Amino acid sequence: MTVYDQCKLFKSWGQNDPDYYRVFVGVGLTEAQYKEITGQEYQETATASADE
């Protein structure tokens, strides 16, 4: 079972939080697949640098 298949399964079980699927993009889930599952465009989250 691929990461994509697993994510589709989680979605069918009611996992509807787009942030949950964000961690899978780049490690088995494409941005297009993310959009298909969540209905939202994938956007990378900005994180603050430890030096700031």
PDB file of N, CA and C in Angstrom:
ATOM      1  N   MET A   1       0.856  -1.175   0.000  1.00  0.00           N
ATOM      2  CA  MET A   1       0.000   0.000   0.000  1.00  0.00           C
ATOM      3  C   MET A   1       0.901   1.237   0.000  1.00  0.00           C
ATOM      4  N   THR A   2       0.609   2.156  -0.888  1.00  0.00           N
ATOM      5  CA  THR A   2       1.411   3.376  -0.991  1.00  0.00           C
ATOM      6  C   THR A   2       0.975   4.389   0.068  1.00  0.00           C
ATOM      7  N   VAL A   3       1.796   5.419   0.247  1.00  0.00           N
ATOM      8  CA  VAL A   3       1.443   6.505   1.172  1.00  0.00           C
ATOM      9  C   VAL A   3       0.146   7.157   0.711  1.00  0.00           C
ATOM     10  N   TYR A   4       0.007   7.316  -0.592  1.00  0.00           N
ATOM     11  CA  TYR A   4      -1.220   7.892  -1.149  1.00  0.00           C
ATOM     12  C   TYR A   4      -2.438   7.037  -0.770  1.00  0.00           C
ATOM     13  N   ASP A   5      -2.309   5.726  -0.937  1.00  0.00           N
ATOM     14  CA  ASP A   5      -3.409   4.823  -0.571  1.00  0.00           C
ATOM     15  C   ASP A   5      -3.740   4.924   0.916  1.00  0.00           C
ATOM     16  N   GLN A   6      -2.714   5.007   1.737  1.00  0.00           N
ATOM     17  CA  GLN A   6      -2.925   5.123   3.177  1.00  0.00           C
ATOM     18  C   GLN A   6      -3.655   6.419   3.517  1.00  0.00           C
ATOM     19  N   CYS A   7      -3.242   7.520   2.884  1.00  0.00           N
ATOM     20  CA  CYS A   7      -3.894   8.808   3.136  1.00  0.00           C
ATOM     21  C   CYS A   7      -5.352   8.788   2.692  1.00  0.00           C
ATOM     22  N   LYS A   8      -5.630   8.167   1.554  1.00  0.00           N
ATOM     23  CA  LYS A   8      -7.017   8.040   1.093  1.00  0.00           C
ATOM     24  C   LYS A   8      -7.838   7.233   2.109  1.00  0.00           C
ATOM     25  N   LEU A   9      -7.236   6.199   2.665  1.00  0.00           N
ATOM     26  CA  LEU A   9      -7.910   5.387   3.667  1.00  0.00           C
ATOM     27  C   LEU A   9      -8.195   6.202   4.927  1.00  0.00           C
ATOM     28  N   PHE A  10      -7.197   6.962   5.390  1.00  0.00           N
ATOM     29  CA  PHE A  10      -7.397   7.809   6.570  1.00  0.00           C
ATOM     30  C   PHE A  10      -8.517   8.817   6.326  1.00  0.00           C
ATOM     31  N   LYS A  11      -8.558   9.364   5.124  1.00  0.00           N
ATOM     32  CA  LYS A  11      -9.615  10.320   4.769  1.00  0.00           C
ATOM     33  C   LYS A  11     -10.982   9.639   4.837  1.00  0.00           C
ATOM     34  N   SER A  12     -11.072   8.400   4.364  1.00  0.00           N
ATOM     35  CA  SER A  12     -12.347   7.675   4.394  1.00  0.00           C
ATOM     36  C   SER A  12     -12.768   7.355   5.827  1.00  0.00           C
ATOM     37  N   TRP A  13     -11.802   7.317   6.740  1.00  0.00           N
ATOM     38  CA  TRP A  13     -12.096   7.067   8.155  1.00  0.00           C
ATOM     39  C   TRP A  13     -12.436   8.353   8.905  1.00  0.00           C
ATOM     40  N   GLY A  14     -12.425   9.500   8.194  1.00  0.00           N
ATOM     41  CA  GLY A  14     -12.844  10.751   8.816  1.00  0.00           C
ATOM     42  C   GLY A  14     -11.720  11.689   9.202  1.00  0.00           C
ATOM     43  N   GLN A  15     -10.495  11.402   8.785  1.00  0.00           N
ATOM     44  CA  GLN A  15      -9.379  12.311   9.073  1.00  0.00           C
ATOM     45  C   GLN A  15      -9.435  13.447   8.057  1.00  0.00           C
ATOM     46  N   ASN A  16     -10.028  14.575   8.469  1.00  0.00           N
ATOM     47  CA  ASN A  16     -10.291  15.676   7.540  1.00  0.00           C
ATOM     48  C   ASN A  16      -9.393  16.895   7.732  1.00  0.00           C
ATOM     49  N   ASP A  17      -8.435  16.818   8.622  1.00  0.00           N
ATOM     50  CA  ASP A  17      -7.550  17.951   8.896  1.00  0.00           C
ATOM     51  C   ASP A  17      -6.452  18.029   7.834  1.00  0.00           C
ATOM     52  N   PRO A  18      -6.443  19.093   7.008  1.00  0.00           N
ATOM     53  CA  PRO A  18      -5.423  19.212   5.958  1.00  0.00           C
ATOM     54  C   PRO A  18      -4.000  19.207   6.510  1.00  0.00           C
ATOM     55  N   ASP A  19      -3.800  19.738   7.718  1.00  0.00           N
ATOM     56  CA  ASP A  19      -2.461  19.772   8.305  1.00  0.00           C
ATOM     57  C   ASP A  19      -1.934  18.364   8.579  1.00  0.00           C
ATOM     58  N   TYR A  20      -2.814  17.435   8.833  1.00  0.00           N
ATOM     59  CA  TYR A  20      -2.400  16.047   9.058  1.00  0.00           C
ATOM     60  C   TYR A  20      -1.671  15.498   7.826  1.00  0.00           C
ATOM     61  N   TYR A  21      -2.166  15.810   6.644  1.00  0.00           N
ATOM     62  CA  TYR A  21      -1.609  15.275   5.402  1.00  0.00           C
ATOM     63  C   TYR A  21      -0.376  16.028   4.928  1.00  0.00           C
ATOM     64  N   ARG A  22      -0.165  17.224   5.454  1.00  0.00           N
ATOM     65  CA  ARG A  22       0.959  18.068   5.035  1.00  0.00           C
ATOM     66  C   ARG A  22       2.310  17.360   5.233  1.00  0.00           C
ATOM     67  N   VAL A  23       2.451  16.581   6.300  1.00  0.00           N
ATOM     68  CA  VAL A  23       3.730  15.923   6.589  1.00  0.00           C
ATOM     69  C   VAL A  23       4.067  14.836   5.570  1.00  0.00           C
ATOM     70  N   PHE A  24       3.083  14.367   4.819  1.00  0.00           N
ATOM     71  CA  PHE A  24       3.318  13.309   3.848  1.00  0.00           C
ATOM     72  C   PHE A  24       3.776  13.825   2.485  1.00  0.00           C
ATOM     73  N   VAL A  25       3.617  15.144   2.237  1.00  0.00           N
ATOM     74  CA  VAL A  25       4.022  15.719   0.949  1.00  0.00           C
ATOM     75  C   VAL A  25       5.543  15.681   0.863  1.00  0.00           C
ATOM     76  N   GLY A  26       6.046  15.071  -0.193  1.00  0.00           N
ATOM     77  CA  GLY A  26       7.479  14.940  -0.394  1.00  0.00           C
ATOM     78  C   GLY A  26       8.034  13.609   0.088  1.00  0.00           C
ATOM     79  N   VAL A  27       7.251  12.880   0.837  1.00  0.00           N
ATOM     80  CA  VAL A  27       7.684  11.555   1.318  1.00  0.00           C
ATOM     81  C   VAL A  27       6.633  10.513   0.956  1.00  0.00           C
ATOM     82  N   GLY A  28       6.166  10.603  -0.278  1.00  0.00           N
ATOM     83  CA  GLY A  28       5.202   9.623  -0.760  1.00  0.00           C
ATOM     84  C   GLY A  28       3.910  10.226  -1.264  1.00  0.00           C
ATOM     85  N   LEU A  29       3.681  11.488  -0.975  1.00  0.00           N
ATOM     86  CA  LEU A  29       2.473  12.169  -1.423  1.00  0.00           C
ATOM     87  C   LEU A  29       2.891  13.396  -2.222  1.00  0.00           C
ATOM     88  N   THR A  30       2.339  13.553  -3.414  1.00  0.00           N
ATOM     89  CA  THR A  30       2.665  14.724  -4.229  1.00  0.00           C
ATOM     90  C   THR A  30       1.742  15.882  -3.844  1.00  0.00           C
ATOM     91  N   GLU A  31       2.101  17.069  -4.291  1.00  0.00           N
ATOM     92  CA  GLU A  31       1.251  18.234  -4.032  1.00  0.00           C
ATOM     93  C   GLU A  31      -0.116  18.066  -4.692  1.00  0.00           C
ATOM     94  N   ALA A  32      -0.145  17.446  -5.873  1.00  0.00           N
ATOM     95  CA  ALA A  32      -1.417  17.206  -6.564  1.00  0.00           C
ATOM     96  C   ALA A  32      -2.277  16.215  -5.777  1.00  0.00           C
ATOM     97  N   GLN A  33      -1.656  15.185  -5.228  1.00  0.00           N
ATOM     98  CA  GLN A  33      -2.399  14.211  -4.434  1.00  0.00           C
ATOM     99  C   GLN A  33      -2.907  14.844  -3.137  1.00  0.00           C
ATOM    100  N   TYR A  34      -2.101  15.723  -2.543  1.00  0.00           N
ATOM    101  CA  TYR A  34      -2.528  16.457  -1.351  1.00  0.00           C
ATOM    102  C   TYR A  34      -3.806  17.244  -1.654  1.00  0.00           C
ATOM    103  N   LYS A  35      -3.801  17.943  -2.802  1.00  0.00           N
ATOM    104  CA  LYS A  35      -4.977  18.725  -3.193  1.00  0.00           C
ATOM    105  C   LYS A  35      -6.176  17.818  -3.435  1.00  0.00           C
ATOM    106  N   GLU A  36      -5.950  16.672  -4.060  1.00  0.00           N
ATOM    107  CA  GLU A  36      -7.042  15.737  -4.316  1.00  0.00           C
ATOM    108  C   GLU A  36      -7.678  15.255  -3.008  1.00  0.00           C
ATOM    109  N   ILE A  37      -6.847  14.968  -2.031  1.00  0.00           N
ATOM    110  CA  ILE A  37      -7.337  14.435  -0.760  1.00  0.00           C
ATOM    111  C   ILE A  37      -7.986  15.525   0.100  1.00  0.00           C
ATOM    112  N   THR A  38      -7.341  16.701   0.168  1.00  0.00           N
ATOM    113  CA  THR A  38      -7.809  17.742   1.086  1.00  0.00           C
ATOM    114  C   THR A  38      -8.721  18.773   0.427  1.00  0.00           C
ATOM    115  N   GLY A  39      -8.622  18.912  -0.897  1.00  0.00           N
ATOM    116  CA  GLY A  39      -9.394  19.943  -1.578  1.00  0.00           C
ATOM    117  C   GLY A  39      -8.753  21.313  -1.485  1.00  0.00           C
ATOM    118  N   GLN A  40      -7.523  21.365  -0.974  1.00  0.00           N
ATOM    119  CA  GLN A  40      -6.804  22.630  -0.813  1.00  0.00           C
ATOM    120  C   GLN A  40      -5.450  22.551  -1.494  1.00  0.00           C
ATOM    121  N   GLU A  41      -4.974  23.712  -1.947  1.00  0.00           N
ATOM    122  CA  GLU A  41      -3.628  23.790  -2.521  1.00  0.00           C
ATOM    123  C   GLU A  41      -2.611  23.568  -1.405  1.00  0.00           C
ATOM    124  N   TYR A  42      -1.527  22.869  -1.736  1.00  0.00           N
ATOM    125  CA  TYR A  42      -0.450  22.678  -0.762  1.00  0.00           C
ATOM    126  C   TYR A  42       0.378  23.937  -0.662  1.00  0.00           C
ATOM    127  N   GLN A  43       0.617  24.410   0.546  1.00  0.00           N
ATOM    128  CA  GLN A  43       1.490  25.554   0.783  1.00  0.00           C
ATOM    129  C   GLN A  43       2.457  25.173   1.887  1.00  0.00           C
ATOM    130  N   GLU A  44       3.725  25.391   1.631  1.00  0.00           N
ATOM    131  CA  GLU A  44       4.725  25.099   2.657  1.00  0.00           C
ATOM    132  C   GLU A  44       4.516  26.058   3.813  1.00  0.00           C
ATOM    133  N   THR A  45       4.720  25.552   5.012  1.00  0.00           N
ATOM    134  CA  THR A  45       4.588  26.410   6.186  1.00  0.00           C
ATOM    135  C   THR A  45       5.914  27.098   6.440  1.00  0.00           C
ATOM    136  N   ALA A  46       5.849  28.342   6.816  1.00  0.00           N
ATOM    137  CA  ALA A  46       7.057  29.097   7.128  1.00  0.00           C
ATOM    138  C   ALA A  46       7.388  28.887   8.602  1.00  0.00           C
ATOM    139  N   THR A  47       8.631  28.575   8.862  1.00  0.00           N
ATOM    140  CA  THR A  47       9.060  28.392  10.245  1.00  0.00           C
ATOM    141  C   THR A  47      10.117  29.435  10.562  1.00  0.00           C
ATOM    142  N   ALA A  48      10.089  29.930  11.775  1.00  0.00           N
ATOM    143  CA  ALA A  48      11.046  30.940  12.188  1.00  0.00           C
ATOM    144  C   ALA A  48      12.408  30.292  12.440  1.00  0.00           C
ATOM    145  N   SER A  49      13.440  31.022  12.113  1.00  0.00           N
ATOM    146  CA  SER A  49      14.795  30.544  12.342  1.00  0.00           C
ATOM    147  C   SER A  49      15.124  30.630  13.825  1.00  0.00           C
ATOM    148  N   ALA A  50      15.947  29.733  14.311  1.00  0.00           N
ATOM    149  CA  ALA A  50      16.351  29.741  15.715  1.00  0.00           C
ATOM    150  C   ALA A  50      17.213  30.960  16.033  1.00  0.00           C
ATOM    151  N   ASP A  51      17.808  31.582  15.000  1.00  0.00           N
ATOM    152  CA  ASP A  51      18.658  32.749  15.201  1.00  0.00           C
ATOM    153  C   ASP A  51      17.860  34.031  15.378  1.00  0.00           C
ATOM    154  N   GLU A  52      16.585  34.008  15.089  1.00  0.00           N
ATOM    155  CA  GLU A  52      15.776  35.231  15.147  1.00  0.00           C
ATOM    156  C   GLU A  52      15.294  35.497  16.536  1.00  0.00           C
TER     157      GLU A  52
END
